[in-house]
Amino acid sequence: MGITKVTRNFQVTLPKDVREMEKINIGDKFIVTIEDDEIIMKKIKSEILDRSFGVWGKGSSGVEFTRKIRDEAEEREKRLGI
């Protein structure tokens, strides 16, 4: 384990030995919490993120997904005469 510091942009560099031991790659995401006056960083497994945001489907945003659902509902209402 190494020592690191906070830059003027409030960024922190993870020491090389930590990156290698935990197989941390560019683009990996972390959750940062505070527990008992300690800052805890935990790497988020990509499959957890995929499951969490998979509802939107690949390549579409939440806004696009919402519009699609709204349009489909409007079409159903027209077909049913509601």
N, C-alpha and C. Protein backbone atom coordinates (compact mmCIF):
# COMPACT_ATOMS: atom_id res chain seq x y z
N MET A 1 0.84 -1.17 0.00
CA MET A 1 0.00 0.00 0.00
C MET A 1 0.89 1.24 0.00
N GLY A 2 0.51 2.21 -0.79
CA GLY A 2 1.31 3.42 -0.90
C GLY A 2 0.58 4.62 -0.34
N ILE A 3 1.25 5.74 -0.40
CA ILE A 3 0.67 7.00 0.05
C ILE A 3 0.34 7.82 -1.18
N THR A 4 -0.77 8.51 -1.14
CA THR A 4 -1.18 9.36 -2.25
C THR A 4 -1.65 10.69 -1.70
N LYS A 5 -1.85 11.66 -2.56
CA LYS A 5 -2.34 12.96 -2.10
C LYS A 5 -3.46 13.43 -3.01
N VAL A 6 -4.21 14.40 -2.52
CA VAL A 6 -5.30 14.99 -3.28
C VAL A 6 -4.73 16.16 -4.09
N THR A 7 -5.03 16.19 -5.40
CA THR A 7 -4.55 17.27 -6.25
C THR A 7 -5.45 18.49 -6.09
N ARG A 8 -5.09 19.59 -6.73
CA ARG A 8 -5.91 20.80 -6.61
C ARG A 8 -7.29 20.62 -7.23
N ASN A 9 -7.44 19.62 -8.11
CA ASN A 9 -8.75 19.29 -8.70
C ASN A 9 -9.48 18.22 -7.89
N PHE A 10 -8.98 17.94 -6.69
CA PHE A 10 -9.55 16.94 -5.78
C PHE A 10 -9.52 15.53 -6.38
N GLN A 11 -8.48 15.24 -7.16
CA GLN A 11 -8.30 13.91 -7.71
C GLN A 11 -7.26 13.17 -6.89
N VAL A 12 -7.39 11.84 -6.87
CA VAL A 12 -6.46 10.99 -6.13
C VAL A 12 -5.95 9.92 -7.08
N THR A 13 -4.64 9.68 -7.08
CA THR A 13 -4.05 8.62 -7.88
C THR A 13 -3.90 7.38 -7.01
N LEU A 14 -4.42 6.26 -7.50
CA LEU A 14 -4.27 5.01 -6.76
C LEU A 14 -2.85 4.48 -6.97
N PRO A 15 -2.19 4.07 -5.89
CA PRO A 15 -0.83 3.54 -6.03
C PRO A 15 -0.80 2.31 -6.95
N LYS A 16 0.31 2.13 -7.64
CA LYS A 16 0.45 1.06 -8.62
C LYS A 16 0.19 -0.31 -8.02
N ASP A 17 0.71 -0.58 -6.82
CA ASP A 17 0.51 -1.90 -6.23
C ASP A 17 -0.96 -2.18 -5.95
N VAL A 18 -1.71 -1.16 -5.57
CA VAL A 18 -3.15 -1.32 -5.33
C VAL A 18 -3.87 -1.59 -6.65
N ARG A 19 -3.53 -0.83 -7.69
CA ARG A 19 -4.15 -1.04 -9.01
C ARG A 19 -3.90 -2.44 -9.51
N GLU A 20 -2.67 -2.94 -9.34
CA GLU A 20 -2.34 -4.27 -9.83
C GLU A 20 -3.01 -5.36 -9.00
N MET A 21 -3.00 -5.22 -7.68
CA MET A 21 -3.61 -6.23 -6.81
C MET A 21 -5.11 -6.35 -7.05
N GLU A 22 -5.77 -5.23 -7.29
CA GLU A 22 -7.22 -5.22 -7.46
C GLU A 22 -7.66 -5.22 -8.92
N LYS A 23 -6.68 -5.34 -9.83
CA LYS A 23 -6.96 -5.37 -11.28
C LYS A 23 -7.83 -4.18 -11.70
N ILE A 24 -7.40 -2.99 -11.34
CA ILE A 24 -8.13 -1.77 -11.66
C ILE A 24 -7.67 -1.26 -13.02
N ASN A 25 -8.64 -0.96 -13.88
CA ASN A 25 -8.37 -0.49 -15.23
C ASN A 25 -8.97 0.89 -15.45
N ILE A 26 -8.51 1.55 -16.49
CA ILE A 26 -9.07 2.85 -16.86
C ILE A 26 -10.56 2.68 -17.12
N GLY A 27 -11.36 3.56 -16.56
CA GLY A 27 -12.81 3.52 -16.77
C GLY A 27 -13.56 2.76 -15.69
N ASP A 28 -12.86 2.03 -14.82
CA ASP A 28 -13.54 1.34 -13.73
C ASP A 28 -14.24 2.35 -12.85
N LYS A 29 -15.35 1.94 -12.26
CA LYS A 29 -16.13 2.84 -11.41
C LYS A 29 -16.06 2.37 -9.96
N PHE A 30 -16.15 3.34 -9.05
CA PHE A 30 -16.08 3.08 -7.62
C PHE A 30 -17.24 3.75 -6.91
N ILE A 31 -17.61 3.19 -5.78
CA ILE A 31 -18.55 3.85 -4.90
C ILE A 31 -17.74 4.32 -3.70
N VAL A 32 -17.97 5.54 -3.27
CA VAL A 32 -17.23 6.12 -2.16
C VAL A 32 -18.21 6.41 -1.03
N THR A 33 -17.92 5.86 0.15
CA THR A 33 -18.77 6.06 1.31
C THR A 33 -17.93 6.47 2.51
N ILE A 34 -18.60 6.92 3.54
CA ILE A 34 -17.93 7.25 4.79
C ILE A 34 -18.51 6.35 5.87
N GLU A 35 -17.63 5.64 6.57
CA GLU A 35 -18.04 4.75 7.66
C GLU A 35 -17.12 4.99 8.85
N ASP A 36 -17.70 5.39 9.96
CA ASP A 36 -16.92 5.62 11.18
C ASP A 36 -15.72 6.52 10.92
N ASP A 37 -15.93 7.66 10.31
CA ASP A 37 -14.88 8.64 10.03
C ASP A 37 -13.79 8.12 9.09
N GLU A 38 -14.07 7.09 8.30
CA GLU A 38 -13.13 6.57 7.30
C GLU A 38 -13.77 6.67 5.93
N ILE A 39 -12.98 7.03 4.94
CA ILE A 39 -13.45 7.06 3.55
C ILE A 39 -13.19 5.69 2.96
N ILE A 40 -14.25 5.08 2.44
CA ILE A 40 -14.15 3.73 1.87
C ILE A 40 -14.44 3.81 0.37
N MET A 41 -13.51 3.29 -0.45
CA MET A 41 -13.71 3.20 -1.89
C MET A 41 -13.86 1.73 -2.26
N LYS A 42 -14.94 1.40 -2.96
CA LYS A 42 -15.15 0.02 -3.39
C LYS A 42 -15.37 0.01 -4.89
N LYS A 43 -14.63 -0.88 -5.56
CA LYS A 43 -14.77 -1.03 -7.00
C LYS A 43 -16.12 -1.67 -7.29
N ILE A 44 -16.84 -1.10 -8.26
CA ILE A 44 -18.13 -1.64 -8.64
C ILE A 44 -17.90 -2.63 -9.78
N LYS A 45 -18.40 -3.83 -9.63
CA LYS A 45 -18.26 -4.82 -10.69
C LYS A 45 -19.12 -4.42 -11.87
N SER A 46 -18.57 -4.53 -13.08
CA SER A 46 -19.28 -4.04 -14.27
C SER A 46 -20.60 -4.77 -14.49
N GLU A 47 -20.68 -6.05 -14.13
CA GLU A 47 -21.94 -6.78 -14.34
C GLU A 47 -23.06 -6.23 -13.45
N ILE A 48 -22.70 -5.69 -12.29
CA ILE A 48 -23.71 -5.08 -11.43
C ILE A 48 -24.26 -3.82 -12.10
N LEU A 49 -23.37 -3.01 -12.67
CA LEU A 49 -23.82 -1.81 -13.38
C LEU A 49 -24.67 -2.18 -14.59
N ASP A 50 -24.25 -3.20 -15.33
CA ASP A 50 -25.01 -3.62 -16.51
C ASP A 50 -26.42 -4.04 -16.12
N ARG A 51 -26.55 -4.79 -15.02
CA ARG A 51 -27.88 -5.22 -14.57
C ARG A 51 -28.70 -4.03 -14.11
N SER A 52 -28.06 -3.08 -13.43
CA SER A 52 -28.78 -1.93 -12.89
C SER A 52 -29.32 -1.03 -14.00
N PHE A 53 -28.51 -0.81 -15.03
CA PHE A 53 -28.90 0.10 -16.09
C PHE A 53 -29.37 -0.63 -17.34
N GLY A 54 -29.45 -1.93 -17.30
CA GLY A 54 -29.88 -2.72 -18.45
C GLY A 54 -31.31 -2.44 -18.86
N VAL A 55 -32.12 -1.91 -17.94
CA VAL A 55 -33.51 -1.63 -18.25
C VAL A 55 -33.63 -0.66 -19.42
N TRP A 56 -32.64 0.22 -19.60
CA TRP A 56 -32.72 1.20 -20.68
C TRP A 56 -32.39 0.56 -22.02
N GLY A 57 -31.76 -0.59 -22.00
CA GLY A 57 -31.37 -1.21 -23.25
C GLY A 57 -30.06 -0.65 -23.74
N LYS A 58 -29.50 -1.28 -24.71
CA LYS A 58 -28.21 -0.84 -25.23
C LYS A 58 -28.40 0.34 -26.17
N GLY A 59 -27.61 1.38 -25.96
CA GLY A 59 -27.59 2.51 -26.87
C GLY A 59 -28.71 3.51 -26.70
N SER A 60 -29.56 3.37 -25.69
CA SER A 60 -30.60 4.38 -25.51
C SER A 60 -30.51 4.95 -24.11
N SER A 61 -30.91 6.19 -23.99
CA SER A 61 -30.87 6.86 -22.70
C SER A 61 -32.20 6.67 -21.98
N GLY A 62 -32.25 7.09 -20.75
CA GLY A 62 -33.48 7.03 -19.98
C GLY A 62 -34.58 7.87 -20.61
N VAL A 63 -34.19 9.01 -21.17
CA VAL A 63 -35.17 9.89 -21.82
C VAL A 63 -35.75 9.20 -23.05
N GLU A 64 -34.88 8.60 -23.86
CA GLU A 64 -35.35 7.90 -25.07
C GLU A 64 -36.26 6.74 -24.70
N PHE A 65 -35.90 6.01 -23.65
CA PHE A 65 -36.69 4.87 -23.19
C PHE A 65 -38.07 5.35 -22.73
N THR A 66 -38.11 6.45 -21.97
CA THR A 66 -39.38 7.00 -21.49
C THR A 66 -40.26 7.44 -22.64
N ARG A 67 -39.67 8.11 -23.63
CA ARG A 67 -40.44 8.54 -24.80
C ARG A 67 -41.03 7.34 -25.54
N LYS A 68 -40.22 6.29 -25.68
CA LYS A 68 -40.69 5.09 -26.37
C LYS A 68 -41.89 4.49 -25.64
N ILE A 69 -41.81 4.37 -24.32
CA ILE A 69 -42.91 3.81 -23.54
C ILE A 69 -44.15 4.69 -23.67
N ARG A 70 -43.97 6.03 -23.60
CA ARG A 70 -45.10 6.96 -23.72
C ARG A 70 -45.76 6.84 -25.09
N ASP A 71 -44.95 6.77 -26.15
CA ASP A 71 -45.49 6.65 -27.50
C ASP A 71 -46.27 5.35 -27.67
N GLU A 72 -45.73 4.26 -27.14
CA GLU A 72 -46.43 2.97 -27.23
C GLU A 72 -47.75 3.02 -26.48
N ALA A 73 -47.78 3.68 -25.33
CA ALA A 73 -49.01 3.78 -24.55
C ALA A 73 -50.05 4.60 -25.30
N GLU A 74 -49.63 5.70 -25.94
CA GLU A 74 -50.55 6.52 -26.72
C GLU A 74 -51.12 5.73 -27.90
N GLU A 75 -50.30 4.94 -28.57
CA GLU A 75 -50.78 4.11 -29.69
C GLU A 75 -51.79 3.09 -29.21
N ARG A 76 -51.55 2.47 -28.07
CA ARG A 76 -52.50 1.50 -27.50
C ARG A 76 -53.83 2.17 -27.18
N GLU A 77 -53.77 3.36 -26.59
CA GLU A 77 -54.99 4.09 -26.25
C GLU A 77 -55.80 4.40 -27.50
N LYS A 78 -55.12 4.81 -28.58
CA LYS A 78 -55.82 5.10 -29.84
C LYS A 78 -56.48 3.84 -30.38
N ARG A 79 -55.75 2.72 -30.36
CA ARG A 79 -56.30 1.47 -30.88
C ARG A 79 -57.53 1.03 -30.07
N LEU A 80 -57.49 1.26 -28.76
CA LEU A 80 -58.59 0.85 -27.89
C LEU A 80 -59.71 1.89 -27.82
N GLY A 81 -59.45 3.07 -28.41
CA GLY A 81 -60.47 4.14 -28.40
C GLY A 81 -60.64 4.79 -27.04
N ILE A 82 -59.59 4.84 -26.28
CA ILE A 82 -59.65 5.44 -24.93
C ILE A 82 -59.30 6.90 -24.99
